[in-house]
Protein backbone atom coordinates (compact mmCIF):
# COMPACT_ATOMS: atom_id res chain seq x y z
CA MET A 1 115.65 -85.34 7.13
CA LEU A 2 118.07 -86.04 10.00
CA GLU A 3 118.92 -89.73 9.97
CA GLU A 4 121.68 -90.00 12.54
CA LEU A 5 123.32 -87.86 15.20
CA SER A 6 126.58 -88.72 16.96
CA ILE A 7 127.96 -86.74 19.89
CA GLU A 8 131.31 -87.07 21.63
CA GLY A 9 132.69 -85.03 24.52
CA LEU A 10 129.82 -82.52 24.68
CA GLY A 11 128.55 -81.51 28.10
CA VAL A 12 127.68 -84.60 30.13
CA ILE A 13 127.71 -86.81 27.03
CA GLU A 14 130.93 -88.81 26.69
CA GLN A 15 129.85 -90.66 23.58
CA ALA A 16 126.36 -91.25 22.22
CA SER A 17 124.57 -91.72 18.94
CA ALA A 18 120.92 -91.87 17.91
CA GLN A 19 119.02 -92.95 14.83
CA PHE A 20 116.16 -90.72 13.74
CA HIS A 21 113.18 -91.62 11.60
CA PRO A 22 110.44 -89.75 9.72
CA GLY A 23 107.53 -88.39 11.68
CA PHE A 24 107.37 -87.26 15.30
CA THR A 25 110.32 -88.07 17.59
CA VAL A 26 110.45 -87.12 21.27
CA LEU A 27 113.50 -86.91 23.52
CA THR A 28 112.85 -87.36 27.23
CA GLY A 29 114.93 -88.01 30.31
CA GLU A 30 115.54 -86.95 33.86
CA THR A 31 116.70 -83.45 34.68
CA GLY A 32 120.43 -83.14 34.08
CA ALA A 33 120.58 -86.17 31.81
CA GLY A 34 121.71 -84.12 28.85
CA LYS A 35 118.59 -83.42 26.78
CA THR A 36 119.82 -79.88 26.22
CA MET A 37 123.05 -81.20 24.72
CA ILE A 38 121.06 -82.82 21.90
CA VAL A 39 119.66 -79.44 20.93
CA THR A 40 123.06 -77.82 21.50
CA SER A 41 124.64 -80.28 19.07
CA LEU A 42 122.09 -79.36 16.40
CA HIS A 43 122.79 -75.69 17.06
CA LEU A 44 126.50 -76.38 16.45
CA LEU A 45 125.70 -78.10 13.16
CA SER A 46 123.63 -75.03 12.27
CA GLY A 47 126.69 -72.81 12.58
CA ALA A 48 126.10 -71.44 16.10
CA ARG A 49 129.03 -69.83 17.91
CA ALA A 50 131.32 -72.37 19.53
CA ASP A 51 131.41 -72.32 23.34
CA ALA A 52 134.51 -73.97 24.79
CA THR A 53 132.75 -74.41 28.15
CA ARG A 54 130.48 -77.00 26.49
CA VAL A 55 133.45 -79.34 25.99
CA ARG A 56 133.21 -82.21 28.47
CA SER A 57 135.50 -81.86 31.45
CA GLY A 58 138.78 -83.63 30.79
CA ASP A 59 138.27 -83.90 27.02
CA THR A 60 140.31 -81.96 24.49
CA LYS A 61 137.41 -81.38 22.13
CA ALA A 62 133.74 -81.98 21.48
CA THR A 63 132.57 -83.44 18.17
CA VAL A 64 129.09 -83.54 16.64
CA GLU A 65 128.29 -85.46 13.47
CA GLY A 66 124.95 -85.44 11.70
CA ARG A 67 123.83 -87.39 8.65
CA PHE A 68 121.16 -85.62 6.62
CA ARG A 69 119.10 -87.18 3.85
CA LEU A 70 118.74 -84.86 0.89
CA THR A 71 116.66 -87.09 -1.37
CA ASP A 72 113.14 -88.35 -0.92
CA GLY A 73 113.41 -91.85 0.40
CA GLY A 74 109.78 -92.78 -0.08
CA SER A 75 108.26 -92.48 3.40
CA SER A 76 110.61 -89.62 4.18
CA PRO A 77 109.21 -86.12 3.67
CA SER A 78 112.65 -84.92 2.67
CA GLY A 79 113.66 -83.93 -0.85
CA HIS A 80 116.20 -81.11 -0.70
CA LEU A 81 118.71 -82.23 -3.33
CA GLY A 82 116.80 -80.36 -6.02
CA ASP A 83 116.80 -77.16 -3.96
CA PRO A 84 118.93 -74.63 -5.91
CA VAL A 85 120.35 -73.16 -2.68
CA VAL A 86 121.37 -76.59 -1.41
CA GLU A 87 122.82 -77.51 -4.81
CA GLU A 88 124.82 -74.27 -4.94
CA ILE A 89 126.28 -74.79 -1.46
CA LEU A 90 127.25 -78.39 -2.20
CA GLU A 91 128.87 -77.48 -5.51
CA ALA A 92 130.73 -74.45 -4.17
CA SER A 93 132.08 -76.34 -1.14
CA GLY A 94 132.99 -79.48 -3.07
CA ALA A 95 131.01 -81.57 -0.56
CA ASP A 96 130.36 -85.18 -1.58
CA VAL A 97 126.85 -86.61 -1.36
CA ASP A 98 126.82 -90.34 -0.62
CA GLU A 99 125.24 -92.77 -3.04
CA ASP A 100 122.20 -93.12 -0.77
CA GLY A 101 121.49 -89.38 -1.06
CA THR A 102 122.84 -88.40 2.36
CA VAL A 103 125.49 -85.90 3.35
CA ILE A 104 127.49 -85.84 6.58
CA ALA A 105 128.10 -82.60 8.51
CA VAL A 106 130.73 -82.56 11.28
CA ARG A 107 131.52 -79.81 13.79
CA SER A 108 134.29 -79.97 16.36
CA VAL A 109 135.04 -77.53 19.16
CA ASN A 110 138.41 -77.63 20.93
CA ALA A 111 138.78 -76.88 24.62
CA ASP A 112 140.65 -73.70 23.67
CA GLY A 113 137.63 -72.47 21.70
CA ARG A 114 138.85 -73.20 18.18
CA SER A 115 136.26 -74.71 15.89
CA ARG A 116 136.34 -76.80 12.70
CA ALA A 117 133.63 -77.84 10.26
CA HIS A 118 133.46 -80.53 7.58
CA LEU A 119 130.72 -81.05 5.03
CA GLY A 120 130.57 -84.11 2.81
CA GLY A 121 134.17 -84.99 3.67
CA ARG A 122 135.51 -81.51 2.86
CA SER A 123 136.81 -78.93 5.31
CA VAL A 124 134.59 -75.85 5.02
CA PRO A 125 134.03 -72.60 6.92
CA VAL A 126 131.49 -72.97 9.73
CA GLY A 127 129.23 -70.46 7.97
CA VAL A 128 129.08 -72.60 4.82
CA MET A 129 128.00 -75.66 6.79
CA GLY A 130 125.48 -73.51 8.66
CA ARG A 131 123.99 -72.26 5.38
CA LEU A 132 123.29 -75.82 4.30
CA THR A 133 121.94 -77.16 7.59
CA ASN A 134 119.74 -74.09 8.07
CA GLN A 135 118.10 -74.96 4.76
CA LEU A 136 117.22 -78.35 6.25
CA LEU A 137 116.28 -77.72 9.87
CA ALA A 138 114.73 -75.05 12.08
CA ILE A 139 115.32 -75.05 15.83
CA HIS A 140 112.75 -73.49 18.15
CA GLY A 141 113.37 -73.06 21.85
CA GLN A 142 112.41 -70.92 24.80
CA ASN A 143 114.67 -68.14 23.52
CA ASP A 144 112.58 -68.05 20.35
CA GLN A 145 109.49 -67.52 22.49
CA LEU A 146 111.16 -64.55 24.15
CA ARG A 147 112.18 -63.14 20.77
CA LEU A 148 108.57 -63.43 19.68
CA LEU A 149 107.79 -60.66 22.17
CA LYS A 150 109.82 -58.19 20.11
CA PRO A 151 108.04 -56.22 17.36
CA GLU A 152 110.75 -56.87 14.77
CA HIS A 153 110.37 -60.64 15.18
CA GLN A 154 106.60 -60.36 14.99
CA ARG A 155 107.00 -58.47 11.72
CA ALA A 156 109.39 -61.14 10.45
CA ALA A 157 106.85 -63.87 11.31
CA LEU A 158 104.14 -61.98 9.41
CA ASP A 159 106.41 -61.58 6.38
CA THR A 160 107.24 -65.29 6.46
CA PHE A 161 103.54 -66.10 6.49
CA ALA A 162 102.83 -63.69 3.64
CA GLY A 163 105.56 -65.20 1.48
CA SER A 164 106.02 -63.84 -2.03
CA SER A 165 103.11 -61.39 -1.72
CA VAL A 166 105.28 -59.37 0.69
CA ALA A 167 108.78 -60.46 -0.39
CA GLY A 168 108.59 -58.66 -3.75
CA PRO A 169 107.30 -55.32 -2.40
CA ALA A 170 109.80 -55.58 0.48
CA ASP A 171 112.71 -55.94 -1.97
CA ALA A 172 111.41 -53.01 -4.03
CA TYR A 173 111.07 -50.91 -0.87
CA ARG A 174 114.60 -51.68 0.31
CA GLY A 175 116.04 -50.79 -3.07
CA ALA A 176 114.14 -47.49 -3.17
CA ARG A 177 115.14 -46.67 0.40
CA ASP A 178 118.83 -47.40 -0.25
CA SER A 179 118.77 -45.08 -3.28
CA TRP A 180 117.03 -42.36 -1.25
CA ILE A 181 119.58 -42.59 1.57
CA GLU A 182 122.42 -42.36 -0.95
CA VAL A 183 120.99 -39.12 -2.39
CA LEU A 184 120.33 -37.73 1.11
CA ASP A 185 123.89 -38.46 2.18
CA GLU A 186 125.27 -36.66 -0.86
CA LEU A 187 122.90 -33.74 -0.30
CA ASP A 188 123.97 -33.43 3.35
CA ALA A 189 127.60 -33.47 2.29
CA ARG A 190 126.98 -30.76 -0.33
CA ARG A 191 125.15 -28.56 2.14
CA THR A 192 127.85 -28.98 4.75
CA ASN A 193 130.61 -28.25 2.26
CA HIS A 194 128.83 -25.48 0.33
CA ARG A 195 131.28 -22.76 1.43
CA GLU A 196 134.28 -25.02 0.92
CA LEU A 197 133.03 -25.92 -2.56
CA ALA A 198 132.54 -22.27 -3.49
CA GLN A 199 136.09 -21.50 -2.38
CA GLU A 200 137.37 -24.49 -4.34
CA VAL A 201 135.57 -23.27 -7.47
CA ASP A 202 137.17 -19.83 -7.16
CA ARG A 203 140.63 -21.33 -6.66
CA LEU A 204 140.31 -23.70 -9.60
CA ARG A 205 138.93 -21.03 -11.93
CA PHE A 206 141.80 -18.66 -11.04
CA GLY A 207 144.36 -21.38 -11.70
CA VAL A 208 142.83 -22.44 -15.01
CA ASP A 209 142.64 -18.82 -16.19
CA GLU A 210 146.21 -18.10 -15.11
CA ILE A 211 147.55 -21.14 -16.95
CA ALA A 212 145.45 -20.39 -20.01
CA ALA A 213 146.89 -16.84 -20.16
CA VAL A 214 150.45 -18.22 -20.34
CA ASP A 215 149.36 -21.13 -22.58
CA PRO A 216 152.45 -23.33 -22.08
CA ARG A 217 153.37 -26.11 -24.51
CA PRO A 218 154.38 -29.60 -23.37
CA GLY A 219 158.13 -29.70 -22.69
CA GLU A 220 158.49 -25.96 -23.34
CA ASP A 221 160.37 -25.31 -20.09
CA VAL A 222 163.12 -27.83 -20.93
CA GLU A 223 163.48 -26.55 -24.50
CA LEU A 224 163.56 -22.93 -23.35
CA ALA A 225 166.27 -23.58 -20.73
CA ALA A 226 168.56 -25.12 -23.34
CA THR A 227 168.05 -22.18 -25.71
CA ILE A 228 168.74 -19.63 -23.00
CA ARG A 229 171.94 -21.37 -21.95
CA ARG A 230 173.15 -21.11 -25.53
CA LEU A 231 172.18 -17.46 -25.94
CA SER A 232 173.66 -16.29 -22.63
CA ASP A 233 177.16 -16.18 -24.27
CA LEU A 234 175.98 -15.24 -27.76
CA GLU A 235 179.13 -13.49 -29.12
CA THR A 236 181.52 -16.18 -27.90
CA ILE A 237 179.33 -18.83 -29.46
CA ARG A 238 179.03 -16.84 -32.69
CA ALA A 239 182.86 -16.40 -32.93
CA ALA A 240 183.50 -20.11 -32.25
CA GLY A 241 180.99 -21.11 -34.90
CA ALA A 242 182.36 -18.66 -37.52
CA GLU A 243 185.98 -19.64 -36.92
CA SER A 244 185.12 -23.32 -37.15
CA ARG A 245 183.18 -22.78 -40.38
CA GLU A 246 186.10 -20.78 -41.89
CA ILE A 247 188.54 -23.61 -41.14
CA VAL A 248 186.23 -26.28 -42.45
CA ALA A 249 184.80 -24.57 -45.52
CA GLY A 250 186.35 -21.11 -45.87
CA ASP A 251 187.26 -19.34 -49.09
CA ALA A 252 191.02 -20.07 -48.85
CA GLY A 253 193.04 -22.77 -47.18
CA SER A 254 190.01 -24.62 -45.76
CA VAL A 255 189.85 -28.31 -44.99
CA VAL A 256 187.35 -28.81 -47.82
CA GLU A 257 189.71 -27.13 -50.28
CA GLY A 258 192.68 -29.19 -49.11
CA LEU A 259 190.78 -32.49 -49.37
CA GLY A 260 189.69 -31.50 -52.88
CA GLN A 261 193.32 -31.02 -53.90
CA VAL A 262 194.28 -34.38 -52.38
CA ARG A 263 191.52 -36.13 -54.33
CA THR A 264 192.75 -34.51 -57.63
CA ILE A 265 196.34 -35.61 -57.00
CA LEU A 266 195.36 -39.18 -56.21
CA GLU A 267 193.17 -39.45 -59.30
CA THR A 268 196.22 -38.72 -61.52
CA ALA A 269 198.66 -40.89 -59.60
CA ALA A 270 200.18 -43.87 -61.48
CA ASP A 271 200.43 -46.00 -58.33
CA ASP A 272 197.53 -48.30 -57.53
CA SER A 273 198.11 -48.09 -53.79
CA LEU A 274 197.60 -44.33 -53.88
CA ARG A 275 194.48 -44.64 -55.99
CA ASP A 276 193.08 -47.12 -53.44
CA LEU A 277 192.90 -44.22 -50.98
CA LEU A 278 190.43 -42.28 -53.15
CA PRO A 279 187.18 -43.74 -51.63
CA ARG A 280 188.29 -42.83 -48.14
CA VAL A 281 189.29 -39.31 -49.16
CA SER A 282 185.93 -38.85 -50.93
CA GLU A 283 184.09 -40.04 -47.83
CA ALA A 284 186.03 -37.62 -45.61
CA LEU A 285 185.29 -34.81 -48.03
CA THR A 286 181.55 -35.57 -47.82
CA VAL A 287 181.59 -35.57 -44.01
CA ILE A 288 183.54 -32.33 -43.77
CA THR A 289 181.25 -30.67 -46.32
CA ASP A 290 178.20 -31.67 -44.17
CA VAL A 291 179.89 -30.23 -41.05
CA GLY A 292 180.48 -26.99 -42.88
CA GLU A 293 176.85 -26.74 -43.95
CA GLU A 294 175.63 -27.42 -40.39
CA LEU A 295 177.94 -24.71 -39.02
CA THR A 296 176.56 -22.30 -41.62
CA SER A 297 172.99 -23.17 -40.58
CA PHE A 298 173.84 -22.80 -36.87
CA LEU A 299 175.31 -19.31 -37.44
CA ALA A 300 172.27 -18.29 -39.48
CA GLY A 301 169.96 -19.35 -36.63
CA LEU A 302 171.67 -17.21 -33.99
CA PRO A 303 169.83 -13.97 -33.14
CA ALA A 304 171.34 -10.84 -34.55
CA ASP A 305 171.31 -9.17 -31.10
CA ALA A 306 170.45 -9.70 -27.39
CA ASP A 307 166.81 -8.53 -27.63
CA GLU A 308 165.57 -12.05 -28.44
CA LEU A 309 167.34 -13.41 -25.34
CA ASP A 310 165.45 -10.92 -23.18
CA LYS A 311 162.16 -12.16 -24.66
CA LEU A 312 163.08 -15.77 -23.89
CA LEU A 313 164.03 -14.90 -20.31
CA THR A 314 160.67 -13.18 -19.84
CA ARG A 315 158.87 -16.29 -21.13
CA GLN A 316 160.92 -18.48 -18.82
CA ALA A 317 159.89 -16.35 -15.83
CA GLU A 318 156.22 -16.84 -16.73
CA LEU A 319 156.66 -20.60 -16.89
CA LYS A 320 158.56 -20.68 -13.59
CA ALA A 321 155.71 -18.80 -11.90
CA LEU A 322 153.30 -21.56 -12.98
CA VAL A 323 155.69 -24.31 -11.87
CA ARG A 324 156.04 -22.78 -8.40
CA LYS A 325 152.24 -22.84 -7.90
CA TYR A 326 150.93 -25.94 -9.62
CA ALA A 327 153.46 -28.68 -10.41
CA PRO A 328 157.21 -29.54 -10.60
CA ASP A 329 157.35 -28.96 -14.37
CA ILE A 330 155.30 -27.60 -17.25
CA ASP A 331 153.93 -31.03 -18.20
CA GLY A 332 152.60 -31.32 -14.64
CA VAL A 333 151.10 -27.81 -14.88
CA ILE A 334 149.21 -28.81 -18.03
CA ALA A 335 147.95 -32.00 -16.31
CA TRP A 336 146.79 -29.93 -13.31
CA ARG A 337 144.78 -27.66 -15.61
CA THR A 338 143.10 -30.68 -17.24
CA SER A 339 142.19 -32.12 -13.83
CA ALA A 340 140.94 -28.76 -12.58
CA GLU A 341 138.72 -28.30 -15.62
CA SER A 342 137.17 -31.73 -14.99
CA ARG A 343 136.59 -30.91 -11.34
CA LEU A 344 134.96 -27.60 -12.27
CA ILE A 345 132.52 -29.40 -14.53
CA GLU A 346 131.64 -31.60 -11.56
CA ILE A 347 131.18 -28.92 -8.89
CA ASP A 348 130.68 -25.71 -10.82
CA ASP A 349 127.86 -23.72 -9.24
CA PRO A 350 127.44 -25.55 -5.91
CA GLN A 351 124.02 -24.04 -5.35
CA GLN A 352 122.77 -25.48 -8.60
CA SER A 353 124.09 -28.90 -7.53
CA ILE A 354 122.24 -28.63 -4.22
CA THR A 355 119.01 -27.75 -6.01
CA GLU A 356 119.41 -30.73 -8.34
CA LEU A 357 120.06 -33.05 -5.39
CA GLU A 358 117.04 -31.69 -3.53
CA ASN A 359 114.87 -32.49 -6.54
CA ALA A 360 116.41 -35.97 -6.77
CA ALA A 361 115.81 -36.54 -3.04
CA ALA A 362 112.17 -35.51 -3.37
CA ALA A 363 111.69 -37.93 -6.27
CA ALA A 364 113.42 -40.73 -4.33
CA ARG A 365 111.22 -40.03 -1.30
CA GLU A 366 108.12 -40.32 -3.46
CA LYS A 367 109.28 -43.72 -4.66
CA VAL A 368 109.92 -44.86 -1.08
CA GLN A 369 106.43 -43.68 -0.10
CA ASP A 370 104.86 -45.60 -2.98
CA THR A 371 106.72 -48.84 -2.22
CA ALA A 372 106.10 -48.46 1.54
CA ALA A 373 102.36 -48.01 0.88
CA THR A 374 102.28 -51.19 -1.24
CA LEU A 375 104.16 -53.12 1.44
CA HIS A 376 101.83 -51.76 4.12
CA ARG A 377 98.72 -52.87 2.23
CA ARG A 378 100.11 -56.35 1.59
CA ARG A 379 101.01 -56.78 5.24
CA LYS A 380 97.57 -55.69 6.42
CA THR A 381 95.95 -58.19 4.08
CA ALA A 382 98.27 -60.97 5.25
CA ALA A 383 97.73 -60.01 8.91
CA LYS A 384 93.99 -60.75 8.72
CA SER A 385 94.58 -64.19 7.24
CA MET A 386 97.38 -64.98 9.66
CA ALA A 387 95.35 -63.92 12.69
CA SER A 388 92.42 -66.08 11.57
CA LYS A 389 94.56 -69.19 11.05
CA VAL A 390 96.56 -68.82 14.28
CA SER A 391 93.35 -68.21 16.24
CA ALA A 392 91.93 -71.44 14.86
CA GLU A 393 95.04 -73.26 16.05
CA LEU A 394 94.80 -71.66 19.48
CA GLY A 395 91.26 -72.94 19.77
CA GLY A 396 92.62 -76.45 19.38
CA LEU A 397 95.33 -75.87 21.97
CA ALA A 398 92.95 -75.55 24.94
CA MET A 399 92.95 -71.76 24.92
CA GLY A 400 89.16 -71.49 24.77
CA ASP A 401 87.88 -68.43 22.94
CA THR A 402 91.29 -66.77 22.97
CA SER A 403 92.25 -65.38 19.58
CA LEU A 404 95.23 -63.62 18.08
CA ALA A 405 95.06 -60.15 16.57
CA VAL A 406 97.83 -58.98 14.25
CA ASP A 407 97.93 -55.21 14.06
CA VAL A 408 99.86 -53.46 11.29
CA ALA A 409 100.22 -49.79 12.19
CA VAL A 410 102.39 -46.95 10.99
CA GLU A 411 105.75 -46.52 12.71
CA PRO A 412 105.69 -42.86 13.80
CA ALA A 413 108.55 -40.59 12.82
CA ALA A 414 110.31 -38.18 15.18
CA ASP A 415 110.27 -34.46 14.44
CA ASP A 416 113.89 -34.51 13.25
CA ASP A 417 113.65 -37.81 11.35
CA ARG A 418 115.45 -37.47 8.01
CA LEU A 419 113.70 -40.63 6.78
CA ALA A 420 110.16 -39.41 7.42
CA ILE A 421 107.50 -40.20 4.82
CA GLU A 422 103.73 -39.87 4.54
CA LEU A 423 101.79 -43.12 4.91
CA ASP A 424 98.03 -43.45 5.34
CA GLY A 425 97.84 -39.80 6.25
CA HIS A 426 100.44 -40.15 8.98
CA ARG A 427 104.04 -39.11 9.28
CA ALA A 428 105.97 -42.41 9.33
CA HIS A 429 109.57 -43.53 9.78
CA ALA A 430 110.97 -45.41 6.77
CA GLY A 431 112.85 -48.16 8.57
CA SER A 432 115.02 -50.84 7.00
CA ALA A 433 112.08 -53.28 6.80
CA GLY A 434 109.33 -50.80 6.02
CA ALA A 435 107.30 -48.14 7.75
CA ASP A 436 105.14 -50.61 9.66
CA ARG A 437 104.92 -51.55 13.31
CA VAL A 438 103.57 -55.09 13.65
CA GLU A 439 102.17 -56.16 17.00
CA PHE A 440 100.65 -59.47 18.09
CA ALA A 441 97.89 -59.19 20.66
CA LEU A 442 95.65 -61.69 22.44
CA LEU A 443 91.91 -61.33 22.90
CA ALA A 444 90.62 -63.31 25.88
CA HIS A 445 87.22 -63.63 24.22
CA LYS A 446 85.25 -62.16 21.36
CA GLY A 447 84.80 -58.44 21.84
CA ALA A 448 87.61 -58.17 24.39
CA THR A 449 90.26 -55.50 24.16
CA PRO A 450 93.38 -56.82 22.39
CA LEU A 451 96.39 -56.84 24.71
CA PRO A 452 99.97 -57.16 23.40
CA ILE A 453 101.32 -60.65 24.06
CA ALA A 454 104.37 -59.07 25.70
CA ARG A 455 102.08 -57.91 28.53
CA SER A 456 99.23 -60.39 28.50
CA ALA A 457 100.58 -63.88 27.66
CA SER A 458 101.71 -66.27 30.39
CA GLY A 459 104.58 -68.65 29.78
CA GLY A 460 102.21 -71.46 28.84
CA GLU A 461 100.16 -69.23 26.58
CA LEU A 462 103.30 -67.94 24.88
CA SER A 463 104.40 -71.54 24.26
CA ARG A 464 101.08 -72.33 22.59
CA VAL A 465 101.11 -69.13 20.53
CA MET A 466 104.60 -70.05 19.36
CA LEU A 467 103.48 -73.55 18.40
CA ALA A 468 100.37 -72.25 16.66
CA LEU A 469 102.55 -69.88 14.64
CA GLU A 470 104.91 -72.69 13.67
CA VAL A 471 102.00 -74.84 12.54
CA VAL A 472 100.63 -72.00 10.42
CA LEU A 473 104.01 -70.88 9.06
CA ALA A 474 105.15 -74.38 8.12
CA GLU A 475 104.63 -75.11 4.43
CA PRO A 476 102.57 -78.30 4.10
CA THR A 477 105.02 -79.96 1.70
CA SER A 478 108.33 -78.33 2.68
CA GLY A 479 109.69 -81.47 4.34
CA SER A 480 111.91 -79.53 6.75
CA ILE A 481 113.32 -80.74 10.05
CA MET A 482 111.63 -78.92 12.94
CA VAL A 483 113.24 -79.12 16.37
CA PHE A 484 111.36 -77.91 19.45
CA ASP A 485 113.19 -77.52 22.75
CA GLU A 486 110.58 -77.61 25.55
CA VAL A 487 108.13 -75.54 23.50
CA ASP A 488 105.53 -76.93 25.94
CA ALA A 489 107.09 -75.17 28.96
CA GLY A 490 104.48 -73.87 31.38
CA VAL A 491 101.77 -76.12 29.93
CA GLY A 492 99.95 -79.08 31.42
CA GLY A 493 96.72 -81.02 31.42
CA ARG A 494 94.44 -80.79 28.40
CA ALA A 495 96.61 -78.09 26.81
CA ALA A 496 99.55 -80.52 26.82
CA VAL A 497 97.42 -83.14 25.06
CA GLU A 498 96.46 -80.62 22.40
CA ILE A 499 100.11 -79.67 21.89
CA GLY A 500 100.90 -83.34 21.38
CA ARG A 501 98.15 -83.61 18.77
CA ARG A 502 99.36 -80.53 16.92
CA LEU A 503 102.95 -81.74 16.87
CA ALA A 504 101.81 -85.12 15.58
CA GLY A 505 99.83 -83.35 12.85
CA LEU A 506 102.83 -81.22 11.95
CA ALA A 507 104.90 -84.39 11.62
CA ARG A 508 102.75 -85.58 8.72
CA ALA A 509 104.63 -83.16 6.43
CA HIS A 510 107.83 -82.59 8.46
CA GLN A 511 110.31 -84.44 10.56
CA VAL A 512 109.51 -83.15 14.06
CA ILE A 513 111.97 -83.61 16.93
CA VAL A 514 110.81 -82.46 20.38
CA VAL A 515 112.57 -82.25 23.72
CA THR A 516 109.76 -82.47 26.30
CA HIS A 517 109.00 -83.17 29.92
CA LEU A 518 105.30 -83.76 29.32
CA PRO A 519 104.01 -87.34 29.00
CA GLN A 520 100.92 -86.06 27.15
CA VAL A 521 103.20 -84.78 24.39
CA ALA A 522 105.51 -87.80 24.38
CA ALA A 523 102.57 -90.19 24.00
CA PHE A 524 101.79 -88.83 20.53
CA ALA A 525 105.30 -89.48 19.19
CA ASP A 526 106.06 -92.01 16.49
CA ASN A 527 109.56 -92.56 17.92
CA HIS A 528 110.72 -92.19 21.51
CA LEU A 529 114.35 -91.63 22.54
CA VAL A 530 115.34 -91.43 26.19
CA ILE A 531 118.44 -89.69 27.50
CA GLY A 532 119.79 -91.77 30.38
CA LYS A 533 122.16 -90.62 33.12
CA ASN A 534 124.82 -92.94 34.53
CA SER A 535 127.41 -92.38 37.21
CA GLY A 536 130.87 -93.84 36.83
CA GLY A 537 134.53 -93.27 37.30
CA GLY A 538 135.69 -93.50 33.72
CA ARG A 539 139.13 -92.18 32.85
CA GLY A 540 140.22 -92.22 36.48
CA ARG A 541 137.54 -89.87 37.78
CA ARG A 542 133.95 -90.15 38.95
CA GLN A 543 131.44 -88.22 36.84
CA HIS A 544 128.05 -88.46 35.21
CA THR A 545 127.69 -89.66 31.63
CA SER A 546 124.64 -89.75 29.39
CA THR A 547 123.36 -92.30 26.90
CA VAL A 548 120.73 -92.13 24.17
CA ARG A 549 118.57 -95.12 23.29
CA ALA A 550 115.34 -95.84 21.46
CA LEU A 551 112.41 -97.32 23.43
CA ASP A 552 110.10 -100.11 22.41
CA ARG A 553 106.44 -99.90 23.34
CA ASP A 554 106.78 -101.55 26.75
CA GLU A 555 109.71 -99.28 27.61
CA ARG A 556 107.69 -96.28 26.48
CA VAL A 557 104.96 -97.19 28.95
CA ALA A 558 107.53 -97.25 31.76
CA GLU A 559 109.03 -93.93 30.68
CA LEU A 560 105.61 -92.27 30.43
CA ALA A 561 104.77 -93.57 33.92
CA ARG A 562 107.99 -92.02 35.25
CA MET A 563 107.12 -88.74 33.54
CA LEU A 564 103.57 -88.77 34.95
CA ALA A 565 104.59 -88.93 38.58
CA GLY A 566 107.79 -90.89 38.96
CA LEU A 567 105.73 -94.09 39.13
CA GLY A 568 107.63 -96.19 36.62
CA ASP A 569 107.61 -99.36 38.74
CA SER A 570 104.03 -99.17 40.03
CA ASP A 571 100.99 -100.83 38.52
CA THR A 572 99.03 -97.59 38.90
CA GLY A 573 101.64 -95.58 37.06
CA ARG A 574 101.88 -98.09 34.24
CA ALA A 575 98.11 -98.25 33.93
CA HIS A 576 97.89 -94.48 33.58
CA ALA A 577 100.74 -94.48 31.07
CA GLU A 578 99.21 -97.38 29.09
CA GLU A 579 95.89 -95.55 28.88
CA LEU A 580 97.58 -92.33 27.73
CA LEU A 581 99.64 -94.12 25.09
CA ALA A 582 96.70 -96.18 23.82
CA THR A 583 94.56 -93.05 23.50
CA ALA A 584 97.26 -91.25 21.52
CA GLU A 585 97.80 -94.30 19.28
CA GLY A 586 94.10 -94.54 18.61
CA GLU A 587 93.86 -90.90 17.63
CA LYS A 588 96.85 -91.17 15.30
CA GLN A 589 95.41 -94.28 13.67
CA ALA A 590 92.08 -92.56 13.14
CA ARG A 591 93.89 -89.58 11.65
CA ASP A 592 95.85 -91.79 9.27
CA ASP A 593 92.71 -93.64 8.20
CA ALA A 594 90.85 -90.39 7.51
């Protein structure tokens, strides 16, 4: 629950704080006193977009601080610390929960529009703080009533009421629809690119066949170039090799022969110094002998004539032709062929691929139809129950025999709709949330023609429909914080009394905070805060400031008298207010005793 709210520099509020308690709390005050800023501050704590124009004139920033209780404090309906979503947000953000089970959320908005958020003493993104506070509180205002006129919001309200009975089929439907769209997108791309794919197949096949005919080896182009350079001057190379071999290891007068003679002489020498040279001479003889053998091998490997060179030049021309077309070298050509073969496996026979995708799309469409049909049936079942419960609430909100009808129909598909499916014998559009069109309608009396609330509900009726929905949608033990900003707009008299009763009943399981201008509603509150407006010249300028304070019973009587007809100081006004308050207190006591 919300235990404390502090505001500084927001709108007309210079600095104010308020303590909140379990049950039903009302906020009242004169027009322009700043009641809207209370709701605005809670919106900011919920992660709403920062509006620099809300910063109080002359201040550098506006700051809102809220203390939320996460544990059940006995009389408090709150108990969110065990909520896995809340636990995950707290752990991920590093926010500290105080020993008393409360956490502090702070939002500041600078005059230049920059915004900061802190949760449990840690700086966090505004969205993270909003995720937490939105788990704790729900704010309902006149804008929510206007949104209720839109079919998508009516569908969302029905799904919320249905809970898990619709949530599971809705998830299955969305998954099936996403898969179907993915196949359709690929199919459209294949159809569009059919000619381009066919041309690509022909080009790749030609290239693969051309490379396969030459059948190059890795590094063959480099090896071949070196061989050709050597063979281009074959006779000169052959003469140089033969002459070198003759000198090194010829039949007469060769280096090998000379070194052999030197070794023989040294072996017979009587001088030790000469004999010490023998190892070095033997080593030189071994090296020269190896050189001679390598020269012999080199000469043996040379072609006998120029015909072999011509063959190598022809092979080199074939490799160069591949290099010009496909890659800078033969290794790159081989890599291109490997890649092309893989691509051919992927796109070979484009028409066959299209046929396969068409079959896959048909199967995916069938799955979407099946899941959409399940979702449709669940929604229709939930719609009957929801309509019955909301109608019962409307009966207690001074709307006579008026009842709510919740119609779940098929969303028709256009002729060229790519996401058209068959549902209940009709051609339907598979939208992101299903193939259903949900519409709320009011029946003035039993047997009357249902009329959409967008065309039939007055402002007061729309307020009561909204409240009836909130009462029905609220889980009895959820312990959430529910904030209503003038949800009673356009209502008066007995209907206002009934709204007060319903809000008081809602507060038995929730913390309910209501901004109201109706004394009939305020009389049913457990706690009454008044927003006061003062005029002063603080900070060297004259301007209005607002204060927030809790009222005792006698002060409540005076405030209710003011709200009734501006008669706060008259005996008549106080008498009317006392009677209204006493009646509400009696009803609440009887309810508690029941």
